[in-house]
Amino acid sequence: MIHIDSYKIFSYGKTWKKGKEAKEETIQKMLTSKECISGKQFLQLLSDLDDAWHQHEGKDIEIEVTFKGVNNE
């Protein structure tokens, strides 16, 4: 079973000002944690966040994974 030691989840979107949509996307929502979570729980968390944050907006998802050596300090 895989465990994820820390994660950062960002949701980007465009803001509106004075009736006009911004050209650049910015971070609209963010969730970070350094608490361990199982891979299965992480996938469920992503699904739940997508439902709560985006409500059928049809966002693309990009995932980057980094494996680091175990720190025994």
PDB file of N, CA and C in Angstrom:
ATOM      1  N   MET A   1       0.850  -1.180   0.000  1.00  0.00           N
ATOM      2  CA  MET A   1       0.000   0.000   0.000  1.00  0.00           C
ATOM      3  C   MET A   1       0.894   1.242   0.000  1.00  0.00           C
ATOM      4  N   ILE A   2       0.536   2.188  -0.794  1.00  0.00           N
ATOM      5  CA  ILE A   2       1.306   3.429  -0.894  1.00  0.00           C
ATOM      6  C   ILE A   2       0.747   4.460   0.087  1.00  0.00           C
ATOM      7  N   HIS A   3       1.650   5.220   0.695  1.00  0.00           N
ATOM      8  CA  HIS A   3       1.267   6.312   1.579  1.00  0.00           C
ATOM      9  C   HIS A   3       1.870   7.612   1.043  1.00  0.00           C
ATOM     10  N   ILE A   4       1.108   8.661   1.140  1.00  0.00           N
ATOM     11  CA  ILE A   4       1.541   9.976   0.685  1.00  0.00           C
ATOM     12  C   ILE A   4       1.848  10.790   1.941  1.00  0.00           C
ATOM     13  N   ASP A   5       3.088  11.260   2.051  1.00  0.00           N
ATOM     14  CA  ASP A   5       3.537  11.942   3.264  1.00  0.00           C
ATOM     15  C   ASP A   5       3.122  13.406   3.329  1.00  0.00           C
ATOM     16  N   SER A   6       3.007  14.052   2.208  1.00  0.00           N
ATOM     17  CA  SER A   6       2.543  15.440   2.172  1.00  0.00           C
ATOM     18  C   SER A   6       1.973  15.706   0.783  1.00  0.00           C
ATOM     19  N   TYR A   7       1.093  16.675   0.713  1.00  0.00           N
ATOM     20  CA  TYR A   7       0.497  17.005  -0.586  1.00  0.00           C
ATOM     21  C   TYR A   7       0.075  18.467  -0.613  1.00  0.00           C
ATOM     22  N   LYS A   8       0.000  18.986  -1.834  1.00  0.00           N
ATOM     23  CA  LYS A   8      -0.488  20.341  -2.094  1.00  0.00           C
ATOM     24  C   LYS A   8      -1.455  20.237  -3.265  1.00  0.00           C
ATOM     25  N   ILE A   9      -2.654  20.691  -3.070  1.00  0.00           N
ATOM     26  CA  ILE A   9      -3.680  20.637  -4.108  1.00  0.00           C
ATOM     27  C   ILE A   9      -4.116  22.075  -4.401  1.00  0.00           C
ATOM     28  N   PHE A  10      -4.053  22.463  -5.657  1.00  0.00           N
ATOM     29  CA  PHE A  10      -4.417  23.819  -6.068  1.00  0.00           C
ATOM     30  C   PHE A  10      -5.529  23.757  -7.110  1.00  0.00           C
ATOM     31  N   SER A  11      -6.424  24.710  -7.056  1.00  0.00           N
ATOM     32  CA  SER A  11      -7.454  24.872  -8.081  1.00  0.00           C
ATOM     33  C   SER A  11      -7.298  26.262  -8.683  1.00  0.00           C
ATOM     34  N   TYR A  12      -7.043  26.302  -9.980  1.00  0.00           N
ATOM     35  CA  TYR A  12      -6.844  27.563 -10.689  1.00  0.00           C
ATOM     36  C   TYR A  12      -8.120  27.974 -11.412  1.00  0.00           C
ATOM     37  N   GLY A  13      -8.292  29.247 -11.566  1.00  0.00           N
ATOM     38  CA  GLY A  13      -9.431  29.759 -12.305  1.00  0.00           C
ATOM     39  C   GLY A  13      -9.204  31.217 -12.654  1.00  0.00           C
ATOM     40  N   LYS A  14     -10.113  31.754 -13.415  1.00  0.00           N
ATOM     41  CA  LYS A  14     -10.038  33.159 -13.803  1.00  0.00           C
ATOM     42  C   LYS A  14     -11.016  33.967 -12.958  1.00  0.00           C
ATOM     43  N   THR A  15     -10.589  35.150 -12.589  1.00  0.00           N
ATOM     44  CA  THR A  15     -11.447  36.035 -11.801  1.00  0.00           C
ATOM     45  C   THR A  15     -12.178  37.006 -12.727  1.00  0.00           C
ATOM     46  N   TRP A  16     -13.193  37.635 -12.173  1.00  0.00           N
ATOM     47  CA  TRP A  16     -13.973  38.631 -12.909  1.00  0.00           C
ATOM     48  C   TRP A  16     -13.840  39.973 -12.198  1.00  0.00           C
ATOM     49  N   LYS A  17     -13.601  41.027 -12.978  1.00  0.00           N
ATOM     50  CA  LYS A  17     -13.562  42.384 -12.446  1.00  0.00           C
ATOM     51  C   LYS A  17     -14.341  43.294 -13.380  1.00  0.00           C
ATOM     52  N   LYS A  18     -15.258  44.010 -12.807  1.00  0.00           N
ATOM     53  CA  LYS A  18     -16.065  44.973 -13.568  1.00  0.00           C
ATOM     54  C   LYS A  18     -16.681  44.341 -14.811  1.00  0.00           C
ATOM     55  N   GLY A  19     -17.180  43.124 -14.658  1.00  0.00           N
ATOM     56  CA  GLY A  19     -17.862  42.442 -15.749  1.00  0.00           C
ATOM     57  C   GLY A  19     -16.963  41.806 -16.789  1.00  0.00           C
ATOM     58  N   LYS A  20     -15.633  41.829 -16.574  1.00  0.00           N
ATOM     59  CA  LYS A  20     -14.696  41.248 -17.537  1.00  0.00           C
ATOM     60  C   LYS A  20     -13.891  40.137 -16.872  1.00  0.00           C
ATOM     61  N   GLU A  21     -13.667  39.080 -17.639  1.00  0.00           N
ATOM     62  CA  GLU A  21     -12.889  37.955 -17.147  1.00  0.00           C
ATOM     63  C   GLU A  21     -11.393  38.244 -17.312  1.00  0.00           C
ATOM     64  N   ALA A  22     -10.622  37.953 -16.261  1.00  0.00           N
ATOM     65  CA  ALA A  22      -9.170  38.149 -16.318  1.00  0.00           C
ATOM     66  C   ALA A  22      -8.554  37.216 -17.354  1.00  0.00           C
ATOM     67  N   LYS A  23      -7.435  37.615 -17.934  1.00  0.00           N
ATOM     68  CA  LYS A  23      -6.761  36.793 -18.944  1.00  0.00           C
ATOM     69  C   LYS A  23      -5.966  35.662 -18.312  1.00  0.00           C
ATOM     70  N   GLU A  24      -5.364  35.917 -17.139  1.00  0.00           N
ATOM     71  CA  GLU A  24      -4.513  34.930 -16.471  1.00  0.00           C
ATOM     72  C   GLU A  24      -5.287  34.176 -15.396  1.00  0.00           C
ATOM     73  N   GLU A  25      -4.984  32.883 -15.267  1.00  0.00           N
ATOM     74  CA  GLU A  25      -5.567  32.095 -14.192  1.00  0.00           C
ATOM     75  C   GLU A  25      -4.745  32.290 -12.920  1.00  0.00           C
ATOM     76  N   THR A  26      -5.418  32.313 -11.790  1.00  0.00           N
ATOM     77  CA  THR A  26      -4.767  32.422 -10.493  1.00  0.00           C
ATOM     78  C   THR A  26      -5.288  31.307  -9.591  1.00  0.00           C
ATOM     79  N   ILE A  27      -4.593  31.089  -8.482  1.00  0.00           N
ATOM     80  CA  ILE A  27      -5.041  30.067  -7.523  1.00  0.00           C
ATOM     81  C   ILE A  27      -6.316  30.565  -6.844  1.00  0.00           C
ATOM     82  N   GLN A  28      -7.379  29.788  -6.981  1.00  0.00           N
ATOM     83  CA  GLN A  28      -8.663  30.130  -6.383  1.00  0.00           C
ATOM     84  C   GLN A  28      -8.867  29.415  -5.043  1.00  0.00           C
ATOM     85  N   LYS A  29      -8.399  28.159  -4.984  1.00  0.00           N
ATOM     86  CA  LYS A  29      -8.531  27.347  -3.778  1.00  0.00           C
ATOM     87  C   LYS A  29      -7.267  26.522  -3.604  1.00  0.00           C
ATOM     88  N   MET A  30      -6.949  26.176  -2.327  1.00  0.00           N
ATOM     89  CA  MET A  30      -5.729  25.427  -2.069  1.00  0.00           C
ATOM     90  C   MET A  30      -5.923  24.581  -0.811  1.00  0.00           C
ATOM     91  N   LEU A  31      -5.350  23.381  -0.829  1.00  0.00           N
ATOM     92  CA  LEU A  31      -5.329  22.514   0.349  1.00  0.00           C
ATOM     93  C   LEU A  31      -3.950  21.888   0.422  1.00  0.00           C
ATOM     94  N   THR A  32      -3.276  22.037   1.565  1.00  0.00           N
ATOM     95  CA  THR A  32      -1.962  21.437   1.762  1.00  0.00           C
ATOM     96  C   THR A  32      -1.950  20.696   3.088  1.00  0.00           C
ATOM     97  N   SER A  33      -1.126  19.669   3.166  1.00  0.00           N
ATOM     98  CA  SER A  33      -0.992  18.916   4.410  1.00  0.00           C
ATOM     99  C   SER A  33       0.345  18.197   4.448  1.00  0.00           C
ATOM    100  N   LYS A  34       0.877  18.047   5.651  1.00  0.00           N
ATOM    101  CA  LYS A  34       2.077  17.246   5.870  1.00  0.00           C
ATOM    102  C   LYS A  34       1.732  16.002   6.682  1.00  0.00           C
ATOM    103  N   GLU A  35       0.447  15.696   6.785  1.00  0.00           N
ATOM    104  CA  GLU A  35      -0.004  14.492   7.477  1.00  0.00           C
ATOM    105  C   GLU A  35      -0.108  13.350   6.473  1.00  0.00           C
ATOM    106  N   CYS A  36       0.318  12.172   6.885  1.00  0.00           N
ATOM    107  CA  CYS A  36       0.315  10.998   6.017  1.00  0.00           C
ATOM    108  C   CYS A  36      -1.123  10.586   5.674  1.00  0.00           C
ATOM    109  N   ILE A  37      -1.326  10.179   4.435  1.00  0.00           N
ATOM    110  CA  ILE A  37      -2.627   9.714   3.961  1.00  0.00           C
ATOM    111  C   ILE A  37      -2.379   8.560   2.992  1.00  0.00           C
ATOM    112  N   SER A  38      -3.238   7.573   3.006  1.00  0.00           N
ATOM    113  CA  SER A  38      -3.073   6.442   2.087  1.00  0.00           C
ATOM    114  C   SER A  38      -3.430   6.875   0.667  1.00  0.00           C
ATOM    115  N   GLY A  39      -2.897   6.162  -0.299  1.00  0.00           N
ATOM    116  CA  GLY A  39      -3.199   6.468  -1.699  1.00  0.00           C
ATOM    117  C   GLY A  39      -4.687   6.413  -1.984  1.00  0.00           C
ATOM    118  N   LYS A  40      -5.368   5.435  -1.415  1.00  0.00           N
ATOM    119  CA  LYS A  40      -6.806   5.278  -1.616  1.00  0.00           C
ATOM    120  C   LYS A  40      -7.567   6.475  -1.026  1.00  0.00           C
ATOM    121  N   GLN A  41      -7.175   6.907   0.172  1.00  0.00           N
ATOM    122  CA  GLN A  41      -7.821   8.069   0.792  1.00  0.00           C
ATOM    123  C   GLN A  41      -7.533   9.340   0.003  1.00  0.00           C
ATOM    124  N   PHE A  42      -6.323   9.439  -0.555  1.00  0.00           N
ATOM    125  CA  PHE A  42      -5.956  10.618  -1.340  1.00  0.00           C
ATOM    126  C   PHE A  42      -6.819  10.725  -2.598  1.00  0.00           C
ATOM    127  N   LEU A  43      -7.023   9.605  -3.277  1.00  0.00           N
ATOM    128  CA  LEU A  43      -7.867   9.620  -4.474  1.00  0.00           C
ATOM    129  C   LEU A  43      -9.301  10.009  -4.126  1.00  0.00           C
ATOM    130  N   GLN A  44      -9.804   9.523  -2.997  1.00  0.00           N
ATOM    131  CA  GLN A  44     -11.153   9.900  -2.564  1.00  0.00           C
ATOM    132  C   GLN A  44     -11.207  11.385  -2.222  1.00  0.00           C
ATOM    133  N   LEU A  45     -10.143  11.897  -1.582  1.00  0.00           N
ATOM    134  CA  LEU A  45     -10.063  13.322  -1.269  1.00  0.00           C
ATOM    135  C   LEU A  45     -10.111  14.158  -2.548  1.00  0.00           C
ATOM    136  N   LEU A  46      -9.359  13.759  -3.572  1.00  0.00           N
ATOM    137  CA  LEU A  46      -9.384  14.485  -4.852  1.00  0.00           C
ATOM    138  C   LEU A  46     -10.786  14.504  -5.451  1.00  0.00           C
ATOM    139  N   SER A  47     -11.444  13.360  -5.418  1.00  0.00           N
ATOM    140  CA  SER A  47     -12.799  13.270  -5.955  1.00  0.00           C
ATOM    141  C   SER A  47     -13.765  14.170  -5.179  1.00  0.00           C
ATOM    142  N   ASP A  48     -13.661  14.144  -3.853  1.00  0.00           N
ATOM    143  CA  ASP A  48     -14.536  14.969  -3.017  1.00  0.00           C
ATOM    144  C   ASP A  48     -14.272  16.459  -3.235  1.00  0.00           C
ATOM    145  N   LEU A  49     -12.987  16.836  -3.329  1.00  0.00           N
ATOM    146  CA  LEU A  49     -12.655  18.244  -3.574  1.00  0.00           C
ATOM    147  C   LEU A  49     -13.153  18.711  -4.938  1.00  0.00           C
ATOM    148  N   ASP A  50     -13.014  17.859  -5.936  1.00  0.00           N
ATOM    149  CA  ASP A  50     -13.494  18.213  -7.271  1.00  0.00           C
ATOM    150  C   ASP A  50     -14.999  18.482  -7.237  1.00  0.00           C
ATOM    151  N   ASP A  51     -15.735  17.625  -6.541  1.00  0.00           N
ATOM    152  CA  ASP A  51     -17.186  17.838  -6.418  1.00  0.00           C
ATOM    153  C   ASP A  51     -17.500  19.134  -5.669  1.00  0.00           C
ATOM    154  N   ALA A  52     -16.797  19.375  -4.561  1.00  0.00           N
ATOM    155  CA  ALA A  52     -17.080  20.544  -3.729  1.00  0.00           C
ATOM    156  C   ALA A  52     -16.623  21.851  -4.372  1.00  0.00           C
ATOM    157  N   TRP A  53     -15.443  21.843  -4.960  1.00  0.00           N
ATOM    158  CA  TRP A  53     -14.873  23.067  -5.503  1.00  0.00           C
ATOM    159  C   TRP A  53     -15.393  23.417  -6.886  1.00  0.00           C
ATOM    160  N   HIS A  54     -15.637  22.421  -7.736  1.00  0.00           N
ATOM    161  CA  HIS A  54     -15.874  22.709  -9.153  1.00  0.00           C
ATOM    162  C   HIS A  54     -17.298  22.448  -9.630  1.00  0.00           C
ATOM    163  N   GLN A  55     -18.030  21.620  -8.969  1.00  0.00           N
ATOM    164  CA  GLN A  55     -19.440  21.367  -9.276  1.00  0.00           C
ATOM    165  C   GLN A  55     -19.719  21.327 -10.776  1.00  0.00           C
ATOM    166  N   HIS A  56     -19.125  20.371 -11.440  1.00  0.00           N
ATOM    167  CA  HIS A  56     -19.363  20.094 -12.858  1.00  0.00           C
ATOM    168  C   HIS A  56     -18.766  21.133 -13.812  1.00  0.00           C
ATOM    169  N   GLU A  57     -17.686  21.818 -13.405  1.00  0.00           N
ATOM    170  CA  GLU A  57     -17.029  22.791 -14.288  1.00  0.00           C
ATOM    171  C   GLU A  57     -16.203  22.116 -15.375  1.00  0.00           C
ATOM    172  N   GLY A  58     -15.811  20.868 -15.177  1.00  0.00           N
ATOM    173  CA  GLY A  58     -15.001  20.178 -16.173  1.00  0.00           C
ATOM    174  C   GLY A  58     -13.553  20.626 -16.180  1.00  0.00           C
ATOM    175  N   LYS A  59     -12.909  20.626 -15.032  1.00  0.00           N
ATOM    176  CA  LYS A  59     -11.506  21.041 -14.924  1.00  0.00           C
ATOM    177  C   LYS A  59     -10.578  19.910 -15.353  1.00  0.00           C
ATOM    178  N   ASP A  60      -9.441  20.258 -15.967  1.00  0.00           N
ATOM    179  CA  ASP A  60      -8.374  19.300 -16.244  1.00  0.00           C
ATOM    180  C   ASP A  60      -7.593  19.079 -14.950  1.00  0.00           C
ATOM    181  N   ILE A  61      -7.054  17.879 -14.773  1.00  0.00           N
ATOM    182  CA  ILE A  61      -6.274  17.558 -13.585  1.00  0.00           C
ATOM    183  C   ILE A  61      -4.874  17.169 -14.009  1.00  0.00           C
ATOM    184  N   GLU A  62      -3.872  17.776 -13.361  1.00  0.00           N
ATOM    185  CA  GLU A  62      -2.467  17.445 -13.588  1.00  0.00           C
ATOM    186  C   GLU A  62      -1.876  16.997 -12.263  1.00  0.00           C
ATOM    187  N   ILE A  63      -1.127  15.900 -12.272  1.00  0.00           N
ATOM    188  CA  ILE A  63      -0.511  15.380 -11.055  1.00  0.00           C
ATOM    189  C   ILE A  63       0.983  15.234 -11.281  1.00  0.00           C
ATOM    190  N   GLU A  64       1.761  15.707 -10.310  1.00  0.00           N
ATOM    191  CA  GLU A  64       3.208  15.550 -10.310  1.00  0.00           C
ATOM    192  C   GLU A  64       3.585  14.823  -9.025  1.00  0.00           C
ATOM    193  N   VAL A  65       4.355  13.748  -9.138  1.00  0.00           N
ATOM    194  CA  VAL A  65       4.738  12.935  -7.979  1.00  0.00           C
ATOM    195  C   VAL A  65       6.247  12.996  -7.803  1.00  0.00           C
ATOM    196  N   THR A  66       6.686  13.175  -6.555  1.00  0.00           N
ATOM    197  CA  THR A  66       8.104  13.189  -6.231  1.00  0.00           C
ATOM    198  C   THR A  66       8.381  12.116  -5.188  1.00  0.00           C
ATOM    199  N   PHE A  67       9.335  11.229  -5.474  1.00  0.00           N
ATOM    200  CA  PHE A  67       9.776  10.231  -4.504  1.00  0.00           C
ATOM    201  C   PHE A  67      11.078  10.723  -3.899  1.00  0.00           C
ATOM    202  N   LYS A  68      11.125  10.798  -2.566  1.00  0.00           N
ATOM    203  CA  LYS A  68      12.319  11.258  -1.870  1.00  0.00           C
ATOM    204  C   LYS A  68      12.814  10.146  -0.954  1.00  0.00           C
ATOM    205  N   GLY A  69      14.098  10.168  -0.651  1.00  0.00           N
ATOM    206  CA  GLY A  69      14.665   9.212   0.288  1.00  0.00           C
ATOM    207  C   GLY A  69      14.052   9.387   1.676  1.00  0.00           C
ATOM    208  N   VAL A  70      14.044   8.323   2.450  1.00  0.00           N
ATOM    209  CA  VAL A  70      13.468   8.373   3.797  1.00  0.00           C
ATOM    210  C   VAL A  70      14.380   9.177   4.702  1.00  0.00           C
ATOM    211  N   ASN A  71      13.811  10.106   5.441  1.00  0.00           N
ATOM    212  CA  ASN A  71      14.563  10.941   6.371  1.00  0.00           C
ATOM    213  C   ASN A  71      14.432  10.318   7.755  1.00  0.00           C
ATOM    214  N   ASN A  72      15.512   9.753   8.283  1.00  0.00           N
ATOM    215  CA  ASN A  72      15.460   9.058   9.574  1.00  0.00           C
ATOM    216  C   ASN A  72      15.878   9.930  10.748  1.00  0.00           C
ATOM    217  N   GLU A  73      15.806  11.226  10.609  1.00  0.00           N
ATOM    218  CA  GLU A  73      16.212  12.111  11.708  1.00  0.00           C
ATOM    219  C   GLU A  73      15.114  12.246  12.729  1.00  0.00           C
TER     220      GLU A  73
END
